[in-house]
Amino acid sequence: MQEEASYICDACGEEIVIPVDLTAGADQEYVEDCPVCCHPNVIHLQVEPDGDVRIWAAGEWRRLCDELFTLPPGSGKFFFFF
C-alpha cells in the first residue's frame, strides 16, 4: 500500500505530496489548503480493488458550485448564467 500520493493544486498548479491515511476508509473526500498558495482544494482519494491509490483535487469553489446548482432530477427548475 502506498504511504504517500500527490495531487496538483487547482489554483497554482503545484504538485503537492500528502500522506495516505486509510483509517477514514477507501473512498474519501476532504478539504485541504494548498501549502504553497493557501487556496482550499477538495481532495478525492480512492483505493482501487488492486490496492492502487487514486487521488485528485478540485478547487473548493467548484464543490460549492456543484452543491448550489445541482438540482434533483425532475425538479423542473433551470439556472441561466450570463
PDB file of N, CA and C in Angstrom:
ATOM      1  N   MET A   1       0.849  -1.184   0.000  1.00  0.00           N
ATOM      2  CA  MET A   1       0.000   0.000   0.000  1.00  0.00           C
ATOM      3  C   MET A   1       0.889   1.240   0.000  1.00  0.00           C
ATOM      4  N   GLN A   2       0.476   2.232  -0.788  1.00  0.00           N
ATOM      5  CA  GLN A   2       1.211   3.478  -0.862  1.00  0.00           C
ATOM      6  C   GLN A   2       1.102   4.230   0.459  1.00  0.00           C
ATOM      7  N   GLU A   3       2.221   4.858   0.864  1.00  0.00           N
ATOM      8  CA  GLU A   3       2.202   5.681   2.070  1.00  0.00           C
ATOM      9  C   GLU A   3       2.014   7.155   1.740  1.00  0.00           C
ATOM     10  N   GLU A   4       2.338   7.541   0.485  1.00  0.00           N
ATOM     11  CA  GLU A   4       2.173   8.921   0.041  1.00  0.00           C
ATOM     12  C   GLU A   4       1.568   8.945  -1.358  1.00  0.00           C
ATOM     13  N   ALA A   5       0.914  10.051  -1.666  1.00  0.00           N
ATOM     14  CA  ALA A   5       0.368  10.267  -3.003  1.00  0.00           C
ATOM     15  C   ALA A   5       0.466  11.760  -3.283  1.00  0.00           C
ATOM     16  N   SER A   6       0.287  12.138  -4.537  1.00  0.00           N
ATOM     17  CA  SER A   6       0.379  13.558  -4.868  1.00  0.00           C
ATOM     18  C   SER A   6      -0.801  13.981  -5.729  1.00  0.00           C
ATOM     19  N   TYR A   7      -1.121  15.271  -5.634  1.00  0.00           N
ATOM     20  CA  TYR A   7      -2.158  15.876  -6.463  1.00  0.00           C
ATOM     21  C   TYR A   7      -1.636  17.216  -6.955  1.00  0.00           C
ATOM     22  N   ILE A   8      -2.295  17.769  -7.948  1.00  0.00           N
ATOM     23  CA  ILE A   8      -1.944  19.084  -8.485  1.00  0.00           C
ATOM     24  C   ILE A   8      -2.941  20.101  -7.949  1.00  0.00           C
ATOM     25  N   CYS A   9      -2.430  21.164  -7.324  1.00  0.00           N
ATOM     26  CA  CYS A   9      -3.294  22.214  -6.790  1.00  0.00           C
ATOM     27  C   CYS A   9      -4.080  22.840  -7.936  1.00  0.00           C
ATOM     28  N   ASP A  10      -5.392  22.969  -7.748  1.00  0.00           N
ATOM     29  CA  ASP A  10      -6.272  23.527  -8.762  1.00  0.00           C
ATOM     30  C   ASP A  10      -6.004  25.015  -9.002  1.00  0.00           C
ATOM     31  N   ALA A  11      -5.434  25.699  -8.005  1.00  0.00           N
ATOM     32  CA  ALA A  11      -5.210  27.142  -8.124  1.00  0.00           C
ATOM     33  C   ALA A  11      -3.832  27.492  -8.686  1.00  0.00           C
ATOM     34  N   CYS A  12      -2.772  26.899  -8.130  1.00  0.00           N
ATOM     35  CA  CYS A  12      -1.418  27.313  -8.528  1.00  0.00           C
ATOM     36  C   CYS A  12      -0.688  26.302  -9.411  1.00  0.00           C
ATOM     37  N   GLY A  13      -1.228  25.082  -9.530  1.00  0.00           N
ATOM     38  CA  GLY A  13      -0.617  24.081 -10.383  1.00  0.00           C
ATOM     39  C   GLY A  13       0.555  23.341  -9.765  1.00  0.00           C
ATOM     40  N   GLU A  14       0.842  23.592  -8.517  1.00  0.00           N
ATOM     41  CA  GLU A  14       1.961  22.939  -7.836  1.00  0.00           C
ATOM     42  C   GLU A  14       1.598  21.495  -7.485  1.00  0.00           C
ATOM     43  N   GLU A  15       2.575  20.598  -7.599  1.00  0.00           N
ATOM     44  CA  GLU A  15       2.350  19.220  -7.179  1.00  0.00           C
ATOM     45  C   GLU A  15       2.524  19.141  -5.664  1.00  0.00           C
ATOM     46  N   ILE A  16       1.522  18.604  -4.984  1.00  0.00           N
ATOM     47  CA  ILE A  16       1.512  18.514  -3.528  1.00  0.00           C
ATOM     48  C   ILE A  16       1.528  17.045  -3.123  1.00  0.00           C
ATOM     49  N   VAL A  17       2.474  16.669  -2.270  1.00  0.00           N
ATOM     50  CA  VAL A  17       2.587  15.300  -1.780  1.00  0.00           C
ATOM     51  C   VAL A  17       1.957  15.244  -0.387  1.00  0.00           C
ATOM     52  N   ILE A  18       1.058  14.286  -0.196  1.00  0.00           N
ATOM     53  CA  ILE A  18       0.393  14.127   1.096  1.00  0.00           C
ATOM     54  C   ILE A  18       0.467  12.670   1.540  1.00  0.00           C
ATOM     55  N   PRO A  19       0.403  12.432   2.849  1.00  0.00           N
ATOM     56  CA  PRO A  19       0.367  11.039   3.326  1.00  0.00           C
ATOM     57  C   PRO A  19      -0.992  10.413   3.032  1.00  0.00           C
ATOM     58  N   VAL A  20      -1.001   9.124   2.780  1.00  0.00           N
ATOM     59  CA  VAL A  20      -2.236   8.376   2.556  1.00  0.00           C
ATOM     60  C   VAL A  20      -2.645   7.757   3.885  1.00  0.00           C
ATOM     61  N   ASP A  21      -3.816   8.148   4.382  1.00  0.00           N
ATOM     62  CA  ASP A  21      -4.339   7.636   5.646  1.00  0.00           C
ATOM     63  C   ASP A  21      -5.643   6.903   5.354  1.00  0.00           C
ATOM     64  N   LEU A  22      -5.602   5.598   5.411  1.00  0.00           N
ATOM     65  CA  LEU A  22      -6.782   4.794   5.074  1.00  0.00           C
ATOM     66  C   LEU A  22      -7.700   4.543   6.261  1.00  0.00           C
ATOM     67  N   THR A  23      -7.418   5.151   7.414  1.00  0.00           N
ATOM     68  CA  THR A  23      -8.296   4.949   8.571  1.00  0.00           C
ATOM     69  C   THR A  23      -9.671   5.571   8.335  1.00  0.00           C
ATOM     70  N   ALA A  24      -9.779   6.511   7.389  1.00  0.00           N
ATOM     71  CA  ALA A  24     -11.065   7.131   7.071  1.00  0.00           C
ATOM     72  C   ALA A  24     -11.799   6.377   5.961  1.00  0.00           C
ATOM     73  N   GLY A  25     -11.260   5.263   5.512  1.00  0.00           N
ATOM     74  CA  GLY A  25     -11.934   4.455   4.511  1.00  0.00           C
ATOM     75  C   GLY A  25     -11.246   4.494   3.158  1.00  0.00           C
ATOM     76  N   ALA A  26     -11.789   3.718   2.235  1.00  0.00           N
ATOM     77  CA  ALA A  26     -11.189   3.573   0.909  1.00  0.00           C
ATOM     78  C   ALA A  26     -11.724   4.597  -0.087  1.00  0.00           C
ATOM     79  N   ASP A  27     -12.718   5.384   0.300  1.00  0.00           N
ATOM     80  CA  ASP A  27     -13.287   6.414  -0.564  1.00  0.00           C
ATOM     81  C   ASP A  27     -13.449   7.675   0.277  1.00  0.00           C
ATOM     82  N   GLN A  28     -12.555   8.639   0.083  1.00  0.00           N
ATOM     83  CA  GLN A  28     -12.522   9.816   0.947  1.00  0.00           C
ATOM     84  C   GLN A  28     -12.668  11.104   0.136  1.00  0.00           C
ATOM     85  N   GLU A  29     -13.216  12.118   0.798  1.00  0.00           N
ATOM     86  CA  GLU A  29     -13.281  13.470   0.245  1.00  0.00           C
ATOM     87  C   GLU A  29     -13.132  14.432   1.411  1.00  0.00           C
ATOM     88  N   TYR A  30     -12.168  15.332   1.320  1.00  0.00           N
ATOM     89  CA  TYR A  30     -11.958  16.317   2.374  1.00  0.00           C
ATOM     90  C   TYR A  30     -11.310  17.553   1.791  1.00  0.00           C
ATOM     91  N   VAL A  31     -11.347  18.658   2.535  1.00  0.00           N
ATOM     92  CA  VAL A  31     -10.779  19.923   2.084  1.00  0.00           C
ATOM     93  C   VAL A  31      -9.440  20.131   2.776  1.00  0.00           C
ATOM     94  N   GLU A  32      -8.454  20.531   1.965  1.00  0.00           N
ATOM     95  CA  GLU A  32      -7.112  20.806   2.486  1.00  0.00           C
ATOM     96  C   GLU A  32      -6.581  22.045   1.773  1.00  0.00           C
ATOM     97  N   ASP A  33      -6.015  22.987   2.528  1.00  0.00           N
ATOM     98  CA  ASP A  33      -5.426  24.176   1.924  1.00  0.00           C
ATOM     99  C   ASP A  33      -4.079  23.825   1.301  1.00  0.00           C
ATOM    100  N   CYS A  34      -3.827  24.402   0.117  1.00  0.00           N
ATOM    101  CA  CYS A  34      -2.544  24.201  -0.552  1.00  0.00           C
ATOM    102  C   CYS A  34      -1.443  24.822   0.312  1.00  0.00           C
ATOM    103  N   PRO A  35      -0.362  24.086   0.592  1.00  0.00           N
ATOM    104  CA  PRO A  35       0.719  24.649   1.400  1.00  0.00           C
ATOM    105  C   PRO A  35       1.533  25.706   0.644  1.00  0.00           C
ATOM    106  N   VAL A  36       1.335  25.826  -0.663  1.00  0.00           N
ATOM    107  CA  VAL A  36       2.078  26.805  -1.456  1.00  0.00           C
ATOM    108  C   VAL A  36       1.288  28.114  -1.585  1.00  0.00           C
ATOM    109  N   CYS A  37       0.019  28.031  -2.047  1.00  0.00           N
ATOM    110  CA  CYS A  37      -0.757  29.250  -2.313  1.00  0.00           C
ATOM    111  C   CYS A  37      -1.912  29.473  -1.335  1.00  0.00           C
ATOM    112  N   CYS A  38      -2.165  28.517  -0.459  1.00  0.00           N
ATOM    113  CA  CYS A  38      -3.196  28.602   0.593  1.00  0.00           C
ATOM    114  C   CYS A  38      -4.638  28.510   0.091  1.00  0.00           C
ATOM    115  N   HIS A  39      -4.851  28.229  -1.180  1.00  0.00           N
ATOM    116  CA  HIS A  39      -6.216  28.052  -1.675  1.00  0.00           C
ATOM    117  C   HIS A  39      -6.740  26.678  -1.256  1.00  0.00           C
ATOM    118  N   PRO A  40      -8.021  26.589  -0.883  1.00  0.00           N
ATOM    119  CA  PRO A  40      -8.579  25.301  -0.489  1.00  0.00           C
ATOM    120  C   PRO A  40      -8.803  24.382  -1.697  1.00  0.00           C
ATOM    121  N   ASN A  41      -8.464  23.129  -1.525  1.00  0.00           N
ATOM    122  CA  ASN A  41      -8.688  22.095  -2.533  1.00  0.00           C
ATOM    123  C   ASN A  41      -9.534  20.996  -1.927  1.00  0.00           C
ATOM    124  N   VAL A  42     -10.472  20.481  -2.707  1.00  0.00           N
ATOM    125  CA  VAL A  42     -11.218  19.300  -2.282  1.00  0.00           C
ATOM    126  C   VAL A  42     -10.421  18.099  -2.765  1.00  0.00           C
ATOM    127  N   ILE A  43      -9.922  17.322  -1.825  1.00  0.00           N
ATOM    128  CA  ILE A  43      -9.102  16.155  -2.128  1.00  0.00           C
ATOM    129  C   ILE A  43     -10.008  14.938  -2.223  1.00  0.00           C
ATOM    130  N   HIS A  44      -9.866  14.193  -3.300  1.00  0.00           N
ATOM    131  CA  HIS A  44     -10.607  12.948  -3.504  1.00  0.00           C
ATOM    132  C   HIS A  44      -9.587  11.819  -3.493  1.00  0.00           C
ATOM    133  N   LEU A  45      -9.829  10.818  -2.675  1.00  0.00           N
ATOM    134  CA  LEU A  45      -8.930   9.676  -2.581  1.00  0.00           C
ATOM    135  C   LEU A  45      -9.746   8.401  -2.690  1.00  0.00           C
ATOM    136  N   GLN A  46      -9.333   7.533  -3.606  1.00  0.00           N
ATOM    137  CA  GLN A  46      -9.992   6.245  -3.767  1.00  0.00           C
ATOM    138  C   GLN A  46      -8.938   5.156  -3.817  1.00  0.00           C
ATOM    139  N   VAL A  47      -9.219   4.053  -3.153  1.00  0.00           N
ATOM    140  CA  VAL A  47      -8.353   2.889  -3.226  1.00  0.00           C
ATOM    141  C   VAL A  47      -9.007   1.890  -4.172  1.00  0.00           C
ATOM    142  N   GLU A  48      -8.288   1.563  -5.238  1.00  0.00           N
ATOM    143  CA  GLU A  48      -8.776   0.618  -6.233  1.00  0.00           C
ATOM    144  C   GLU A  48      -8.758  -0.803  -5.663  1.00  0.00           C
ATOM    145  N   PRO A  49      -9.521  -1.729  -6.238  1.00  0.00           N
ATOM    146  CA  PRO A  49      -9.538  -3.116  -5.741  1.00  0.00           C
ATOM    147  C   PRO A  49      -8.154  -3.776  -5.703  1.00  0.00           C
ATOM    148  N   ASP A  50      -7.272  -3.359  -6.622  1.00  0.00           N
ATOM    149  CA  ASP A  50      -5.920  -3.939  -6.630  1.00  0.00           C
ATOM    150  C   ASP A  50      -4.981  -3.267  -5.633  1.00  0.00           C
ATOM    151  N   GLY A  51      -5.477  -2.272  -4.862  1.00  0.00           N
ATOM    152  CA  GLY A  51      -4.681  -1.614  -3.837  1.00  0.00           C
ATOM    153  C   GLY A  51      -4.042  -0.306  -4.274  1.00  0.00           C
ATOM    154  N   ASP A  52      -4.108   0.010  -5.575  1.00  0.00           N
ATOM    155  CA  ASP A  52      -3.567   1.283  -6.040  1.00  0.00           C
ATOM    156  C   ASP A  52      -4.410   2.431  -5.505  1.00  0.00           C
ATOM    157  N   VAL A  53      -3.734   3.530  -5.166  1.00  0.00           N
ATOM    158  CA  VAL A  53      -4.407   4.717  -4.649  1.00  0.00           C
ATOM    159  C   VAL A  53      -4.560   5.723  -5.781  1.00  0.00           C
ATOM    160  N   ARG A  54      -5.762   6.222  -5.947  1.00  0.00           N
ATOM    161  CA  ARG A  54      -6.069   7.248  -6.944  1.00  0.00           C
ATOM    162  C   ARG A  54      -6.441   8.512  -6.186  1.00  0.00           C
ATOM    163  N   ILE A  55      -5.768   9.615  -6.498  1.00  0.00           N
ATOM    164  CA  ILE A  55      -6.018  10.863  -5.783  1.00  0.00           C
ATOM    165  C   ILE A  55      -6.073  12.017  -6.779  1.00  0.00           C
ATOM    166  N   TRP A  56      -7.000  12.943  -6.556  1.00  0.00           N
ATOM    167  CA  TRP A  56      -7.083  14.138  -7.378  1.00  0.00           C
ATOM    168  C   TRP A  56      -7.711  15.248  -6.556  1.00  0.00           C
ATOM    169  N   ALA A  57      -7.571  16.476  -7.057  1.00  0.00           N
ATOM    170  CA  ALA A  57      -8.075  17.639  -6.328  1.00  0.00           C
ATOM    171  C   ALA A  57      -8.873  18.534  -7.262  1.00  0.00           C
ATOM    172  N   ALA A  58      -9.830  19.229  -6.676  1.00  0.00           N
ATOM    173  CA  ALA A  58     -10.596  20.260  -7.376  1.00  0.00           C
ATOM    174  C   ALA A  58     -10.703  21.446  -6.431  1.00  0.00           C
ATOM    175  N   GLY A  59     -10.816  22.633  -7.003  1.00  0.00           N
ATOM    176  CA  GLY A  59     -10.936  23.821  -6.163  1.00  0.00           C
ATOM    177  C   GLY A  59     -12.191  23.776  -5.312  1.00  0.00           C
ATOM    178  N   GLU A  60     -12.111  24.315  -4.120  1.00  0.00           N
ATOM    179  CA  GLU A  60     -13.256  24.345  -3.207  1.00  0.00           C
ATOM    180  C   GLU A  60     -14.443  25.052  -3.858  1.00  0.00           C
ATOM    181  N   TRP A  61     -14.201  26.090  -4.638  1.00  0.00           N
ATOM    182  CA  TRP A  61     -15.293  26.826  -5.289  1.00  0.00           C
ATOM    183  C   TRP A  61     -16.060  25.925  -6.240  1.00  0.00           C
ATOM    184  N   ARG A  62     -15.387  24.951  -6.858  1.00  0.00           N
ATOM    185  CA  ARG A  62     -16.092  24.030  -7.758  1.00  0.00           C
ATOM    186  C   ARG A  62     -17.057  23.139  -6.985  1.00  0.00           C
ATOM    187  N   ARG A  63     -16.632  22.679  -5.815  1.00  0.00           N
ATOM    188  CA  ARG A  63     -17.512  21.848  -4.997  1.00  0.00           C
ATOM    189  C   ARG A  63     -18.730  22.643  -4.556  1.00  0.00           C
ATOM    190  N   LEU A  64     -18.507  23.902  -4.154  1.00  0.00           N
ATOM    191  CA  LEU A  64     -19.623  24.737  -3.719  1.00  0.00           C
ATOM    192  C   LEU A  64     -20.598  24.994  -4.864  1.00  0.00           C
ATOM    193  N   CYS A  65     -20.076  25.257  -6.058  1.00  0.00           N
ATOM    194  CA  CYS A  65     -20.952  25.465  -7.217  1.00  0.00           C
ATOM    195  C   CYS A  65     -21.749  24.208  -7.522  1.00  0.00           C
ATOM    196  N   ASP A  66     -21.102  23.050  -7.442  1.00  0.00           N
ATOM    197  CA  ASP A  66     -21.814  21.796  -7.692  1.00  0.00           C
ATOM    198  C   ASP A  66     -22.958  21.620  -6.699  1.00  0.00           C
ATOM    199  N   GLU A  67     -22.709  21.945  -5.424  1.00  0.00           N
ATOM    200  CA  GLU A  67     -23.744  21.792  -4.413  1.00  0.00           C
ATOM    201  C   GLU A  67     -24.878  22.797  -4.617  1.00  0.00           C
ATOM    202  N   LEU A  68     -24.536  24.020  -4.989  1.00  0.00           N
ATOM    203  CA  LEU A  68     -25.551  25.056  -5.144  1.00  0.00           C
ATOM    204  C   LEU A  68     -26.410  24.863  -6.379  1.00  0.00           C
ATOM    205  N   PHE A  69     -25.810  24.375  -7.461  1.00  0.00           N
ATOM    206  CA  PHE A  69     -26.510  24.351  -8.737  1.00  0.00           C
ATOM    207  C   PHE A  69     -26.888  22.959  -9.221  1.00  0.00           C
ATOM    208  N   THR A  70     -26.779  21.968  -8.359  1.00  0.00           N
ATOM    209  CA  THR A  70     -27.219  20.631  -8.726  1.00  0.00           C
ATOM    210  C   THR A  70     -28.633  20.439  -8.180  1.00  0.00           C
ATOM    211  N   LEU A  71     -29.550  20.221  -9.075  1.00  0.00           N
ATOM    212  CA  LEU A  71     -30.946  20.060  -8.688  1.00  0.00           C
ATOM    213  C   LEU A  71     -31.365  18.606  -8.858  1.00  0.00           C
ATOM    214  N   PRO A  72     -32.322  18.160  -8.062  1.00  0.00           N
ATOM    215  CA  PRO A  72     -32.797  16.792  -8.221  1.00  0.00           C
ATOM    216  C   PRO A  72     -33.431  16.597  -9.595  1.00  0.00           C
ATOM    217  N   PRO A  73     -33.262  15.425 -10.181  1.00  0.00           N
ATOM    218  CA  PRO A  73     -33.895  15.161 -11.478  1.00  0.00           C
ATOM    219  C   PRO A  73     -35.410  15.355 -11.377  1.00  0.00           C
ATOM    220  N   GLY A  74     -35.981  15.947 -12.413  1.00  0.00           N
ATOM    221  CA  GLY A  74     -37.420  16.146 -12.445  1.00  0.00           C
ATOM    222  C   GLY A  74     -37.912  17.335 -11.656  1.00  0.00           C
ATOM    223  N   SER A  75     -36.989  18.170 -11.141  1.00  0.00           N
ATOM    224  CA  SER A  75     -37.431  19.315 -10.343  1.00  0.00           C
ATOM    225  C   SER A  75     -38.069  20.395 -11.213  1.00  0.00           C
ATOM    226  N   GLY A  76     -37.758  20.368 -12.533  1.00  0.00           N
ATOM    227  CA  GLY A  76     -38.347  21.352 -13.429  1.00  0.00           C
ATOM    228  C   GLY A  76     -37.763  22.729 -13.310  1.00  0.00           C
ATOM    229  N   LYS A  77     -36.658  22.873 -12.570  1.00  0.00           N
ATOM    230  CA  LYS A  77     -36.045  24.183 -12.389  1.00  0.00           C
ATOM    231  C   LYS A  77     -34.775  24.257 -13.232  1.00  0.00           C
ATOM    232  N   PHE A  78     -34.493  25.451 -13.731  1.00  0.00           N
ATOM    233  CA  PHE A  78     -33.312  25.662 -14.559  1.00  0.00           C
ATOM    234  C   PHE A  78     -32.589  26.902 -14.081  1.00  0.00           C
ATOM    235  N   PHE A  79     -31.284  26.913 -14.231  1.00  0.00           N
ATOM    236  CA  PHE A  79     -30.478  28.094 -13.939  1.00  0.00           C
ATOM    237  C   PHE A  79     -29.917  28.622 -15.226  1.00  0.00           C
ATOM    238  N   PHE A  80     -29.928  29.935 -15.369  1.00  0.00           N
ATOM    239  CA  PHE A  80     -29.338  30.567 -16.531  1.00  0.00           C
ATOM    240  C   PHE A  80     -28.187  31.454 -16.064  1.00  0.00           C
ATOM    241  N   PHE A  81     -27.060  31.357 -16.735  1.00  0.00           N
ATOM    242  CA  PHE A  81     -25.888  32.148 -16.389  1.00  0.00           C
ATOM    243  C   PHE A  81     -25.614  33.132 -17.514  1.00  0.00           C
ATOM    244  N   PHE A  82     -25.313  34.358 -17.148  1.00  0.00           N
ATOM    245  CA  PHE A  82     -24.994  35.386 -18.143  1.00  0.00           C
ATOM    246  C   PHE A  82     -23.597  35.892 -17.923  1.00  0.00           C
TER     247      PHE A  82
END
